[in-house]
């Protein structure tokens, strides 16, 4: 499961659950609006935290890929240099 699908499902599920719980609760309109506002802020905060975690993991993955790419480049350059040296010796 991709992170974006999980993240999207998490947000949708949280929103549906919050709205259903609030609408089914016996509260006044003002209380319901306040609860909705608080819930929206909480969902936004959680979404921000999740986005930051995903960004951090993506940054780590990119960094690791760059490191591996440099290693591969260095190995290829060594092989090229060895082949040049062999041809010069012949």
C-alpha atoms as a PDB file:
ATOM      1  CA  UNK A   1       0.000   0.000   0.000  1.00  0.00           C
ATOM      2  CA  UNK A   2       1.452   3.356  -0.965  1.00  0.00           C
ATOM      3  CA  UNK A   3       1.866   6.086   1.605  1.00  0.00           C
ATOM      4  CA  UNK A   4      -0.385   8.464  -0.325  1.00  0.00           C
ATOM      5  CA  UNK A   5      -3.254   5.945  -0.402  1.00  0.00           C
ATOM      6  CA  UNK A   6      -2.838   5.272   3.309  1.00  0.00           C
ATOM      7  CA  UNK A   7      -2.692   8.981   4.054  1.00  0.00           C
ATOM      8  CA  UNK A   8      -5.798   9.679   1.955  1.00  0.00           C
ATOM      9  CA  UNK A   9      -7.720   6.821   3.574  1.00  0.00           C
ATOM     10  CA  UNK A  10      -6.665   7.981   7.018  1.00  0.00           C
ATOM     11  CA  UNK A  11      -7.926  11.520   6.406  1.00  0.00           C
ATOM     12  CA  UNK A  12     -11.200  10.414   4.840  1.00  0.00           C
ATOM     13  CA  UNK A  13     -11.865   7.880   7.596  1.00  0.00           C
ATOM     14  CA  UNK A  14     -11.099  10.382  10.329  1.00  0.00           C
ATOM     15  CA  UNK A  15     -13.354  12.995   8.757  1.00  0.00           C
ATOM     16  CA  UNK A  16     -16.271  10.597   8.235  1.00  0.00           C
ATOM     17  CA  UNK A  17     -16.002   9.262  11.766  1.00  0.00           C
ATOM     18  CA  UNK A  18     -15.812  12.708  13.288  1.00  0.00           C
ATOM     19  CA  UNK A  19     -18.766  14.083  11.339  1.00  0.00           C
ATOM     20  CA  UNK A  20     -20.911  11.016  12.013  1.00  0.00           C
ATOM     21  CA  UNK A  21     -20.146  11.156  15.731  1.00  0.00           C
ATOM     22  CA  UNK A  22     -20.903  14.828  15.974  1.00  0.00           C
ATOM     23  CA  UNK A  23     -24.111  14.728  13.955  1.00  0.00           C
ATOM     24  CA  UNK A  24     -25.478  11.818  15.954  1.00  0.00           C
ATOM     25  CA  UNK A  25     -24.662  13.369  19.323  1.00  0.00           C
ATOM     26  CA  UNK A  26     -27.452  15.291  21.116  1.00  0.00           C
ATOM     27  CA  UNK A  27     -25.772  18.719  21.321  1.00  0.00           C
ATOM     28  CA  UNK A  28     -26.831  22.275  20.566  1.00  0.00           C
ATOM     29  CA  UNK A  29     -25.881  23.912  17.258  1.00  0.00           C
ATOM     30  CA  UNK A  30     -23.204  26.068  18.877  1.00  0.00           C
ATOM     31  CA  UNK A  31     -21.652  23.093  20.653  1.00  0.00           C
ATOM     32  CA  UNK A  32     -21.747  21.072  17.438  1.00  0.00           C
ATOM     33  CA  UNK A  33     -20.046  23.862  15.473  1.00  0.00           C
ATOM     34  CA  UNK A  34     -17.331  24.144  18.119  1.00  0.00           C
ATOM     35  CA  UNK A  35     -16.770  20.388  18.090  1.00  0.00           C
ATOM     36  CA  UNK A  36     -16.588  20.423  14.279  1.00  0.00           C
ATOM     37  CA  UNK A  37     -14.057  23.266  14.379  1.00  0.00           C
ATOM     38  CA  UNK A  38     -11.947  21.476  16.997  1.00  0.00           C
ATOM     39  CA  UNK A  39     -12.113  18.230  15.047  1.00  0.00           C
ATOM     40  CA  UNK A  40     -11.109  19.976  11.829  1.00  0.00           C
ATOM     41  CA  UNK A  41      -8.095  21.497  13.583  1.00  0.00           C
ATOM     42  CA  UNK A  42      -7.140  18.098  14.999  1.00  0.00           C
ATOM     43  CA  UNK A  43      -7.434  16.408  11.599  1.00  0.00           C
ATOM     44  CA  UNK A  44      -5.354  19.190  10.011  1.00  0.00           C
ATOM     45  CA  UNK A  45      -2.692  18.787  12.712  1.00  0.00           C
ATOM     46  CA  UNK A  46      -2.567  15.022  12.214  1.00  0.00           C
ATOM     47  CA  UNK A  47      -2.400  15.447   8.448  1.00  0.00           C
ATOM     48  CA  UNK A  48       0.496  17.869   8.863  1.00  0.00           C
ATOM     49  CA  UNK A  49       2.341  15.442  11.154  1.00  0.00           C
ATOM     50  CA  UNK A  50       1.779  12.584   8.723  1.00  0.00           C
ATOM     51  CA  UNK A  51       2.932  14.705   5.778  1.00  0.00           C
ATOM     52  CA  UNK A  52       6.103  15.626   7.680  1.00  0.00           C
ATOM     53  CA  UNK A  53       6.795  11.960   8.447  1.00  0.00           C
ATOM     54  CA  UNK A  54       6.290  11.029   4.801  1.00  0.00           C
ATOM     55  CA  UNK A  55       8.546  13.886   3.698  1.00  0.00           C
ATOM     56  CA  UNK A  56      11.241  12.792   6.136  1.00  0.00           C
ATOM     57  CA  UNK A  57      11.111   9.215   4.850  1.00  0.00           C
ATOM     58  CA  UNK A  58      11.203  10.443   1.264  1.00  0.00           C
ATOM     59  CA  UNK A  59      14.214  12.648   2.028  1.00  0.00           C
ATOM     60  CA  UNK A  60      15.997   9.684   3.605  1.00  0.00           C
ATOM     61  CA  UNK A  61      15.225   7.504   0.579  1.00  0.00           C
ATOM     62  CA  UNK A  62      16.485  10.160  -1.849  1.00  0.00           C
ATOM     63  CA  UNK A  63      19.658  10.599   0.171  1.00  0.00           C
ATOM     64  CA  UNK A  64      20.268   6.848   0.177  1.00  0.00           C
ATOM     65  CA  UNK A  65      19.653   6.645  -3.573  1.00  0.00           C
ATOM     66  CA  UNK A  66      22.096   9.485  -4.189  1.00  0.00           C
ATOM     67  CA  UNK A  67      24.713   7.707  -2.082  1.00  0.00           C
ATOM     68  CA  UNK A  68      24.187   4.441  -3.973  1.00  0.00           C
ATOM     69  CA  UNK A  69      24.332   6.320  -7.282  1.00  0.00           C
ATOM     70  CA  UNK A  70      27.671   7.867  -6.337  1.00  0.00           C
ATOM     71  CA  UNK A  71      29.024   4.445  -5.368  1.00  0.00           C
ATOM     72  CA  UNK A  72      27.928   2.961  -8.690  1.00  0.00           C
ATOM     73  CA  UNK A  73      29.398   5.904 -10.588  1.00  0.00           C
ATOM     74  CA  UNK A  74      32.732   5.484  -8.795  1.00  0.00           C
ATOM     75  CA  UNK A  75      32.810   1.745  -9.530  1.00  0.00           C
ATOM     76  CA  UNK A  76      32.035   2.335 -13.197  1.00  0.00           C
ATOM     77  CA  UNK A  77      34.743   4.983 -13.408  1.00  0.00           C
ATOM     78  CA  UNK A  78      37.229   2.538 -11.867  1.00  0.00           C
ATOM     79  CA  UNK A  79      36.271  -0.121 -14.424  1.00  0.00           C
ATOM     80  CA  UNK A  80      36.657   2.371 -17.271  1.00  0.00           C
ATOM     81  CA  UNK A  81      40.064   3.435 -15.993  1.00  0.00           C
ATOM     82  CA  UNK A  82      41.194  -0.195 -15.683  1.00  0.00           C
ATOM     83  CA  UNK A  83      40.093  -0.887 -19.274  1.00  0.00           C
ATOM     84  CA  UNK A  84      41.986   2.192 -20.495  1.00  0.00           C
ATOM     85  CA  UNK A  85      45.090   1.058 -18.619  1.00  0.00           C
ATOM     86  CA  UNK A  86      44.835  -2.413 -20.186  1.00  0.00           C
ATOM     87  CA  UNK A  87      44.548  -0.973 -23.691  1.00  0.00           C
ATOM     88  CA  UNK A  88      47.517   1.335 -23.105  1.00  0.00           C
ATOM     89  CA  UNK A  89      49.614  -1.627 -21.937  1.00  0.00           C
ATOM     90  CA  UNK A  90      48.820  -3.603 -25.096  1.00  0.00           C
END
